[in-house]
Amino acid sequence: MILFQKIAEKRIIEAQKEGLFDDLPGAGKPIKLEDDSRIAEDLRLAYKILKNANCLPPELELRKEIARTEELLGHMKDTKEKYRQLKRLNFMIMKLNMMGRPCPLLEKPQRYEKKLLERFRR
């Protein structure tokens, strides 16, 4: 193993001298490390591979769709359509909360509580 490390070090030094690392993207900038502490250790490598292949796990795809729907709801004026989207949003949140290993920190609350309270007051 030590021999392999020495060979690797030698080749890295040679490549540096030849300037092979000079024009790499992000050269001279700090490395942006990702916080994967919330991901189970046994899933980190798999998630990293999927991310590098531009494939997200189903939970993350669903989270993105939830965020888009929430943004859409914020700009909607039509009450009927807004109610339809709210039902869709709650379904997606329920689906997300039922996926895999639930973590209370990552669970999203459904968005109908205010609506129900408003209807009960009427």
Protein backbone atom coordinates (compact mmCIF):
# COMPACT_ATOMS: atom_id res chain seq x y z
CA MET A 1 0.00 0.00 0.00
CA ILE A 2 2.86 2.37 0.81
CA LEU A 3 4.43 1.70 -2.59
CA PHE A 4 1.14 2.59 -4.30
CA GLN A 5 0.94 5.87 -2.32
CA LYS A 6 4.49 6.81 -3.30
CA ILE A 7 3.76 6.17 -6.98
CA ALA A 8 0.59 8.25 -6.78
CA GLU A 9 2.41 11.11 -5.02
CA LYS A 10 5.17 11.05 -7.65
CA ARG A 11 2.65 11.24 -10.51
CA ILE A 12 0.76 14.08 -8.83
CA ILE A 13 3.96 16.08 -8.39
CA GLU A 14 4.91 15.48 -12.04
CA ALA A 15 1.46 16.58 -13.21
CA GLN A 16 1.72 19.75 -11.09
CA LYS A 17 5.11 20.57 -12.60
CA GLU A 18 3.71 20.08 -16.12
CA GLY A 19 0.82 22.42 -15.28
CA LEU A 20 -1.91 19.85 -15.82
CA PHE A 21 -3.85 21.17 -12.81
CA ASP A 22 -3.62 24.87 -13.75
CA ASP A 23 -6.82 25.24 -15.78
CA LEU A 24 -9.18 23.08 -13.75
CA PRO A 25 -12.66 24.50 -13.04
CA GLY A 26 -12.77 26.14 -9.63
CA ALA A 27 -8.98 26.54 -9.40
CA GLY A 28 -8.02 28.95 -6.63
CA LYS A 29 -11.50 28.86 -5.09
CA PRO A 30 -12.42 27.17 -1.81
CA ILE A 31 -13.90 23.70 -2.07
CA LYS A 32 -17.63 23.70 -1.49
CA LEU A 33 -18.29 20.77 0.81
CA GLU A 34 -21.81 19.41 1.02
CA ASP A 35 -23.50 18.76 4.35
CA ASP A 36 -24.62 15.16 4.17
CA SER A 37 -24.91 14.69 7.92
CA ARG A 38 -28.69 14.28 7.67
CA ILE A 39 -28.36 11.34 5.30
CA ALA A 40 -27.92 7.89 6.79
CA GLU A 41 -24.32 6.70 6.47
CA ASP A 42 -25.28 3.65 4.43
CA LEU A 43 -27.06 5.86 1.86
CA ARG A 44 -24.49 8.66 1.46
CA LEU A 45 -22.42 7.04 -1.27
CA ALA A 46 -25.49 5.96 -3.23
CA TYR A 47 -26.98 9.49 -3.01
CA LYS A 48 -23.66 11.01 -4.12
CA ILE A 49 -23.52 8.71 -7.16
CA LEU A 50 -27.14 9.55 -8.03
CA LYS A 51 -26.46 13.26 -7.65
CA ASN A 52 -23.41 13.11 -9.90
CA ALA A 53 -25.57 11.34 -12.51
CA ASN A 54 -28.22 14.09 -12.17
CA CYS A 55 -30.67 11.59 -10.71
CA LEU A 56 -32.33 12.48 -7.45
CA PRO A 57 -33.85 10.00 -5.00
CA PRO A 58 -37.66 9.98 -5.14
CA GLU A 59 -37.90 11.84 -1.80
CA LEU A 60 -35.85 14.74 -3.11
CA GLU A 61 -37.74 14.88 -6.41
CA LEU A 62 -40.95 15.04 -4.41
CA ARG A 63 -39.53 17.78 -2.17
CA LYS A 64 -38.70 19.83 -5.28
CA GLU A 65 -42.23 19.33 -6.61
CA ILE A 66 -43.66 20.37 -3.23
CA ALA A 67 -41.54 23.54 -3.25
CA ARG A 68 -42.69 24.40 -6.79
CA THR A 69 -46.33 23.84 -5.84
CA GLU A 70 -45.97 25.99 -2.72
CA GLU A 71 -44.49 28.79 -4.82
CA LEU A 72 -47.30 28.41 -7.36
CA LEU A 73 -49.91 28.58 -4.58
CA GLY A 74 -48.44 31.85 -3.35
CA HIS A 75 -49.13 33.53 -6.70
CA MET A 76 -52.56 32.07 -7.47
CA LYS A 77 -55.71 34.22 -7.41
CA ASP A 78 -58.40 31.74 -8.50
CA THR A 79 -59.85 30.17 -5.33
CA LYS A 80 -61.07 27.02 -7.04
CA GLU A 81 -57.71 26.30 -8.66
CA LYS A 82 -55.90 27.22 -5.46
CA TYR A 83 -58.00 24.70 -3.53
CA ARG A 84 -57.25 22.01 -6.13
CA GLN A 85 -53.52 22.71 -5.90
CA LEU A 86 -53.71 22.70 -2.09
CA LYS A 87 -55.27 19.21 -2.19
CA ARG A 88 -52.49 18.10 -4.55
CA LEU A 89 -49.86 19.64 -2.26
CA ASN A 90 -51.24 17.86 0.81
CA PHE A 91 -51.23 14.56 -1.07
CA MET A 92 -47.57 15.05 -2.04
CA ILE A 93 -46.65 15.97 1.55
CA MET A 94 -48.48 12.90 2.88
CA LYS A 95 -46.66 10.75 0.32
CA LEU A 96 -43.30 12.28 1.31
CA ASN A 97 -43.95 11.73 5.01
CA MET A 98 -44.78 8.07 4.35
CA MET A 99 -41.61 7.36 2.32
CA GLY A 100 -38.71 5.44 3.77
CA ARG A 101 -37.33 6.19 7.18
CA PRO A 102 -39.23 9.07 8.69
CA CYS A 103 -37.13 11.73 10.37
CA PRO A 104 -39.09 14.28 12.42
CA LEU A 105 -36.72 17.04 11.36
CA LEU A 106 -37.40 16.41 7.67
CA GLU A 107 -41.17 15.85 7.90
CA LYS A 108 -43.27 18.57 6.33
CA PRO A 109 -46.58 19.62 7.90
CA GLN A 110 -49.63 19.51 5.68
CA ARG A 111 -51.08 22.85 4.67
CA TYR A 112 -54.80 22.61 5.37
CA GLU A 113 -55.01 23.51 9.05
CA LYS A 114 -55.69 27.23 8.43
CA LYS A 115 -58.36 26.41 5.86
CA LEU A 116 -60.15 24.06 8.24
CA LEU A 117 -60.07 26.60 11.06
CA GLU A 118 -61.49 29.26 8.73
CA ARG A 119 -64.34 26.97 7.68
CA PHE A 120 -65.18 26.04 11.28
CA ARG A 121 -65.38 29.72 12.21
CA ARG A 122 -67.92 30.38 9.42
